[in-house]
């Protein structure tokens, strides 16, 4: 397929099947960043109500930067991976303190924000500022693998895909171009399965039930409600039918302290 035919295919599909989400109706870089962090490893349907509620409570980076961590974690509940909430607040604090409340507008500056990787930095550039920068995420990767790589190709490296992204990137309207690619990728997954399995970078997400992620999430959830001792945490996890041991609880508490989530006060652990 030529690049021009590819572009026409994507734009035609988008014209007829464009999806509407609340974060697609704004160019506020803070709101865009919130959506991108929430959408990491979380289904779109679960994000929509959380995104709306979040912006009602934390409408700007300045408000989020000043918010108590306990409140931040409370409104993050249900999205998983609490590290993302902490990183989002730290990014907001950096915007307020380092950039005088003005959101950075370059790739290097965005990449400098806590918890922001290459994709998220490029996504904020495209969706908030309509600046063209090559990015890859799961749906975009699906599109290029399906349309440009035969099944005989073997494992596909992201560097190969990035080269195609650069050559086909719409320089005038990267915002809608990336939305179009994502929408087409969602359709391809439903129609043809997950082409990302052919990527060298593909990793299957581990099960949540019975994992340490489940234990960690339960610990954070309990401490967010009120300070807890190790003994009370074990009892709380037992009530939730989550299997664990005092050693596992202790290991997670130490890590949460190191990461800046919680602090030990006497025999109890509370939100920092």
Protein backbone atom coordinates (compact mmCIF):
# COMPACT_ATOMS: atom_id res chain seq x y z
CA UNK A 1 0.00 0.00 0.00
CA UNK A 2 1.30 3.47 -0.88
CA UNK A 3 1.43 6.13 1.80
CA UNK A 4 -1.17 8.21 0.01
CA UNK A 5 -3.62 5.30 -0.22
CA UNK A 6 -3.00 4.58 3.44
CA UNK A 7 -3.78 8.16 4.44
CA UNK A 8 -6.99 8.12 2.41
CA UNK A 9 -8.03 4.82 4.02
CA UNK A 10 -7.57 6.23 7.53
CA UNK A 11 -9.22 9.59 6.86
CA UNK A 12 -12.19 7.97 5.10
CA UNK A 13 -12.74 5.59 8.01
CA UNK A 14 -12.50 8.44 10.51
CA UNK A 15 -15.00 10.57 8.59
CA UNK A 16 -17.58 7.79 8.85
CA UNK A 17 -16.72 6.31 12.28
CA UNK A 18 -15.27 9.08 14.44
CA UNK A 19 -15.57 8.31 18.17
CA UNK A 20 -16.50 11.07 20.62
CA UNK A 21 -14.86 11.33 24.05
CA UNK A 22 -14.79 14.27 26.51
CA UNK A 23 -11.00 14.65 26.19
CA UNK A 24 -11.36 15.04 22.43
CA UNK A 25 -13.42 18.19 22.89
CA UNK A 26 -10.67 20.14 24.67
CA UNK A 27 -7.19 21.42 23.88
CA UNK A 28 -6.35 22.17 27.52
CA UNK A 29 -2.95 20.47 28.01
CA UNK A 30 -3.69 19.67 31.65
CA UNK A 31 -6.98 17.95 30.78
CA UNK A 32 -5.26 16.10 27.93
CA UNK A 33 -2.52 14.91 30.29
CA UNK A 34 -5.12 13.69 32.80
CA UNK A 35 -6.84 11.65 30.09
CA UNK A 36 -3.59 10.17 28.79
CA UNK A 37 -2.44 9.07 32.25
CA UNK A 38 -5.87 7.61 33.05
CA UNK A 39 -6.06 5.74 29.74
CA UNK A 40 -2.81 3.88 30.36
CA UNK A 41 -3.76 0.21 30.80
CA UNK A 42 -7.39 1.15 31.53
CA UNK A 43 -10.44 0.63 29.32
CA UNK A 44 -11.99 3.77 27.84
CA UNK A 45 -15.44 3.08 29.31
CA UNK A 46 -14.01 3.04 32.84
CA UNK A 47 -12.06 6.24 32.27
CA UNK A 48 -14.93 8.47 31.09
CA UNK A 49 -16.75 8.88 34.47
CA UNK A 50 -13.45 9.06 36.37
CA UNK A 51 -12.11 11.73 34.01
CA UNK A 52 -15.24 13.86 34.37
CA UNK A 53 -15.30 13.56 38.17
CA UNK A 54 -11.56 14.28 38.41
CA UNK A 55 -11.78 17.54 36.47
CA UNK A 56 -14.69 18.69 38.61
CA UNK A 57 -12.54 18.34 41.74
CA UNK A 58 -9.12 19.15 40.22
CA UNK A 59 -9.92 21.46 37.27
CA UNK A 60 -6.38 22.83 36.88
CA UNK A 61 -2.79 21.79 37.48
CA UNK A 62 -2.60 24.37 40.27
CA UNK A 63 -5.56 22.85 42.13
CA UNK A 64 -4.16 19.33 41.77
CA UNK A 65 -0.69 20.44 42.86
CA UNK A 66 -2.08 21.73 46.17
CA UNK A 67 -4.50 18.88 46.85
CA UNK A 68 -3.88 16.45 49.75
CA UNK A 69 -2.58 13.12 48.48
CA UNK A 70 -5.36 11.34 50.35
CA UNK A 71 -7.95 13.22 48.26
CA UNK A 72 -6.02 12.51 45.06
CA UNK A 73 -5.89 8.78 45.76
CA UNK A 74 -9.56 8.74 46.76
CA UNK A 75 -10.62 10.11 43.36
CA UNK A 76 -8.21 7.73 41.61
CA UNK A 77 -9.82 4.65 43.16
CA UNK A 78 -11.06 2.23 40.51
CA UNK A 79 -8.42 3.11 37.93
CA UNK A 80 -5.62 0.97 39.37
CA UNK A 81 -1.88 1.60 39.31
CA UNK A 82 -1.87 4.29 42.01
CA UNK A 83 1.64 5.31 40.98
CA UNK A 84 0.00 7.07 38.03
CA UNK A 85 -2.00 9.33 40.36
CA UNK A 86 1.13 10.23 42.30
CA UNK A 87 3.05 10.91 39.08
CA UNK A 88 0.20 13.06 37.76
CA UNK A 89 0.19 15.19 40.89
CA UNK A 90 3.98 15.55 40.77
CA UNK A 91 3.76 16.58 37.13
CA UNK A 92 1.19 19.23 38.11
CA UNK A 93 3.48 20.46 40.89
CA UNK A 94 6.36 20.74 38.40
CA UNK A 95 4.18 22.76 36.01
CA UNK A 96 3.26 25.14 38.84
CA UNK A 97 6.71 25.46 40.40
CA UNK A 98 9.12 25.16 37.47
CA UNK A 99 7.00 26.58 34.67
CA UNK A 100 5.06 29.22 36.63
CA UNK A 101 1.69 27.49 36.03
CA UNK A 102 2.18 27.61 32.23
CA UNK A 103 2.13 24.19 30.65
CA UNK A 104 5.35 23.39 28.73
CA UNK A 105 4.93 23.31 24.96
CA UNK A 106 8.02 21.44 23.76
CA UNK A 107 8.69 17.72 23.62
CA UNK A 108 11.81 17.98 25.81
CA UNK A 109 10.01 19.98 28.49
CA UNK A 110 7.02 17.64 28.55
CA UNK A 111 9.33 14.63 28.77
CA UNK A 112 10.94 16.28 31.79
CA UNK A 113 7.68 16.10 33.77
CA UNK A 114 7.51 13.29 36.37
CA UNK A 115 5.97 10.09 35.04
CA UNK A 116 5.81 11.32 31.42
CA UNK A 117 7.28 9.02 28.77
CA UNK A 118 7.87 9.47 25.01
CA UNK A 119 4.32 8.55 23.98
CA UNK A 120 2.58 10.80 26.54
CA UNK A 121 4.83 13.76 25.74
CA UNK A 122 4.11 13.39 22.03
CA UNK A 123 0.40 12.87 22.65
CA UNK A 124 0.11 16.11 24.66
CA UNK A 125 1.95 17.93 21.87
CA UNK A 126 -0.49 16.61 19.27
CA UNK A 127 -3.77 16.76 21.15
CA UNK A 128 -3.23 19.99 23.09
CA UNK A 129 -1.02 22.00 20.72
CA UNK A 130 -1.59 20.26 17.34
CA UNK A 131 2.17 19.80 16.95
CA UNK A 132 3.41 16.87 14.88
CA UNK A 133 5.65 14.41 16.68
CA UNK A 134 5.88 10.67 15.88
CA UNK A 135 4.23 8.52 18.57
CA UNK A 136 3.21 4.90 19.02
CA UNK A 137 0.62 3.35 21.31
CA UNK A 138 -1.21 0.05 21.14
CA UNK A 139 -3.88 1.04 18.58
CA UNK A 140 -1.48 2.95 16.35
CA UNK A 141 0.91 0.00 16.43
CA UNK A 142 -1.96 -2.29 15.41
CA UNK A 143 -2.75 -0.17 12.35
CA UNK A 144 0.79 -0.11 10.95
CA UNK A 145 1.43 -3.79 11.61
CA UNK A 146 -1.84 -4.78 9.91
CA UNK A 147 -1.43 -2.54 6.87
CA UNK A 148 2.33 -2.64 6.21
CA UNK A 149 3.78 -5.90 7.54
CA UNK A 150 3.03 -9.36 6.21
CA UNK A 151 2.69 -12.29 8.59
CA UNK A 152 5.96 -13.65 7.19
CA UNK A 153 7.84 -10.58 8.39
CA UNK A 154 8.53 -11.99 11.85
CA UNK A 155 8.77 -9.87 14.98
CA UNK A 156 8.32 -6.16 14.27
CA UNK A 157 10.40 -3.56 16.10
CA UNK A 158 8.93 -0.17 17.01
CA UNK A 159 11.76 1.54 15.13
CA UNK A 160 10.31 0.08 11.91
CA UNK A 161 6.87 1.37 12.80
CA UNK A 162 8.15 4.81 13.85
CA UNK A 163 9.72 5.24 10.43
CA UNK A 164 6.31 4.70 8.84
CA UNK A 165 4.62 6.98 11.38
CA UNK A 166 7.06 9.77 10.41
CA UNK A 167 6.50 9.28 6.68
CA UNK A 168 2.69 9.26 6.93
CA UNK A 169 2.23 11.83 9.72
CA UNK A 170 -0.16 14.65 8.87
CA UNK A 171 1.90 17.74 9.62
CA UNK A 172 -1.05 20.14 9.43
CA UNK A 173 -3.50 18.19 11.57
CA UNK A 174 -1.68 15.63 13.73
CA UNK A 175 -4.41 15.90 16.40
CA UNK A 176 -7.17 14.38 14.25
CA UNK A 177 -4.73 12.13 12.39
CA UNK A 178 -3.78 10.33 15.60
CA UNK A 179 -7.41 10.13 16.70
CA UNK A 180 -8.20 8.62 13.30
CA UNK A 181 -5.40 6.05 13.62
CA UNK A 182 -6.59 5.06 17.09
CA UNK A 183 -10.19 4.63 15.98
CA UNK A 184 -9.12 2.52 13.01
CA UNK A 185 -6.89 0.44 15.29
CA UNK A 186 -9.79 -0.29 17.66
CA UNK A 187 -11.84 -1.51 14.72
CA UNK A 188 -8.99 -3.74 13.48
CA UNK A 189 -8.60 -5.39 16.89
CA UNK A 190 -12.30 -6.27 16.95
CA UNK A 191 -12.30 -7.50 13.37
CA UNK A 192 -8.93 -9.26 13.14
CA UNK A 193 -7.61 -9.80 16.66
CA UNK A 194 -4.61 -8.18 18.34
CA UNK A 195 -1.87 -7.60 15.76
CA UNK A 196 0.35 -6.28 18.57
CA UNK A 197 1.24 -9.90 19.34
CA UNK A 198 3.52 -9.70 16.31
CA UNK A 199 5.44 -6.81 17.90
CA UNK A 200 8.81 -7.41 19.53
CA UNK A 201 7.60 -5.19 22.38
CA UNK A 202 4.40 -7.12 23.12
CA UNK A 203 3.88 -8.29 26.69
CA UNK A 204 0.70 -9.84 28.02
CA UNK A 205 -0.66 -8.10 31.10
CA UNK A 206 -0.55 -10.37 34.14
CA UNK A 207 -3.75 -11.29 35.97
CA UNK A 208 -4.82 -8.85 38.68
CA UNK A 209 -6.59 -11.34 40.97
CA UNK A 210 -4.07 -13.04 43.23
CA UNK A 211 -1.23 -10.72 42.19
CA UNK A 212 0.85 -8.38 44.31
CA UNK A 213 -0.86 -5.53 42.44
CA UNK A 214 -4.14 -6.59 44.04
CA UNK A 215 -2.53 -6.67 47.50
CA UNK A 216 -0.88 -3.29 46.98
CA UNK A 217 -4.11 -1.72 45.72
CA UNK A 218 -6.02 -3.06 48.75
CA UNK A 219 -3.37 -1.65 51.11
CA UNK A 220 -3.53 1.80 49.51
CA UNK A 221 -7.34 1.72 49.48
CA UNK A 222 -7.50 0.89 53.19
CA UNK A 223 -4.90 3.47 54.23
CA UNK A 224 -6.60 6.12 52.09
CA UNK A 225 -9.74 5.70 54.19
CA UNK A 226 -7.91 5.83 57.55
CA UNK A 227 -4.47 5.09 59.09
CA UNK A 228 -3.80 1.37 59.52
CA UNK A 229 -1.50 -0.94 61.46
CA UNK A 230 0.00 -4.02 59.86
CA UNK A 231 -2.40 -6.13 61.91
CA UNK A 232 -5.47 -4.17 60.81
CA UNK A 233 -4.35 -4.39 57.17
CA UNK A 234 -4.09 -8.17 57.36
CA UNK A 235 -7.62 -8.31 58.80
CA UNK A 236 -8.91 -5.96 56.07
CA UNK A 237 -7.41 -8.08 53.30
CA UNK A 238 -8.89 -11.21 54.87
CA UNK A 239 -12.33 -9.57 54.76
CA UNK A 240 -11.77 -8.94 51.03
CA UNK A 241 -10.70 -12.57 50.53
CA UNK A 242 -7.23 -11.49 49.41
CA UNK A 243 -4.59 -14.04 50.33
CA UNK A 244 -1.38 -12.62 51.79
CA UNK A 245 1.19 -12.93 54.59
CA UNK A 246 2.65 -10.50 57.17
CA UNK A 247 5.93 -10.60 55.23
CA UNK A 248 4.22 -9.53 51.98
CA UNK A 249 2.33 -6.76 53.79
CA UNK A 250 5.55 -5.51 55.37
CA UNK A 251 7.41 -5.54 52.03
CA UNK A 252 4.66 -3.54 50.33
CA UNK A 253 4.44 -1.02 53.17
CA UNK A 254 8.19 -0.37 52.98
CA UNK A 255 7.98 0.15 49.21
CA UNK A 256 4.98 2.47 49.51
CA UNK A 257 6.92 4.52 52.07
CA UNK A 258 9.94 4.70 49.74
CA UNK A 259 7.75 5.80 46.83
CA UNK A 260 6.22 8.64 48.81
CA UNK A 261 2.70 7.27 49.13
CA UNK A 262 2.56 6.68 52.87
CA UNK A 263 4.37 7.51 56.10
CA UNK A 264 4.73 5.54 59.33
CA UNK A 265 3.46 7.30 62.45
CA UNK A 266 4.08 5.12 65.50
CA UNK A 267 2.50 1.75 64.76
CA UNK A 268 0.19 3.12 62.06
CA UNK A 269 0.65 3.93 58.40
CA UNK A 270 -1.06 6.96 56.91
CA UNK A 271 -1.11 8.88 53.65
CA UNK A 272 1.86 11.23 53.35
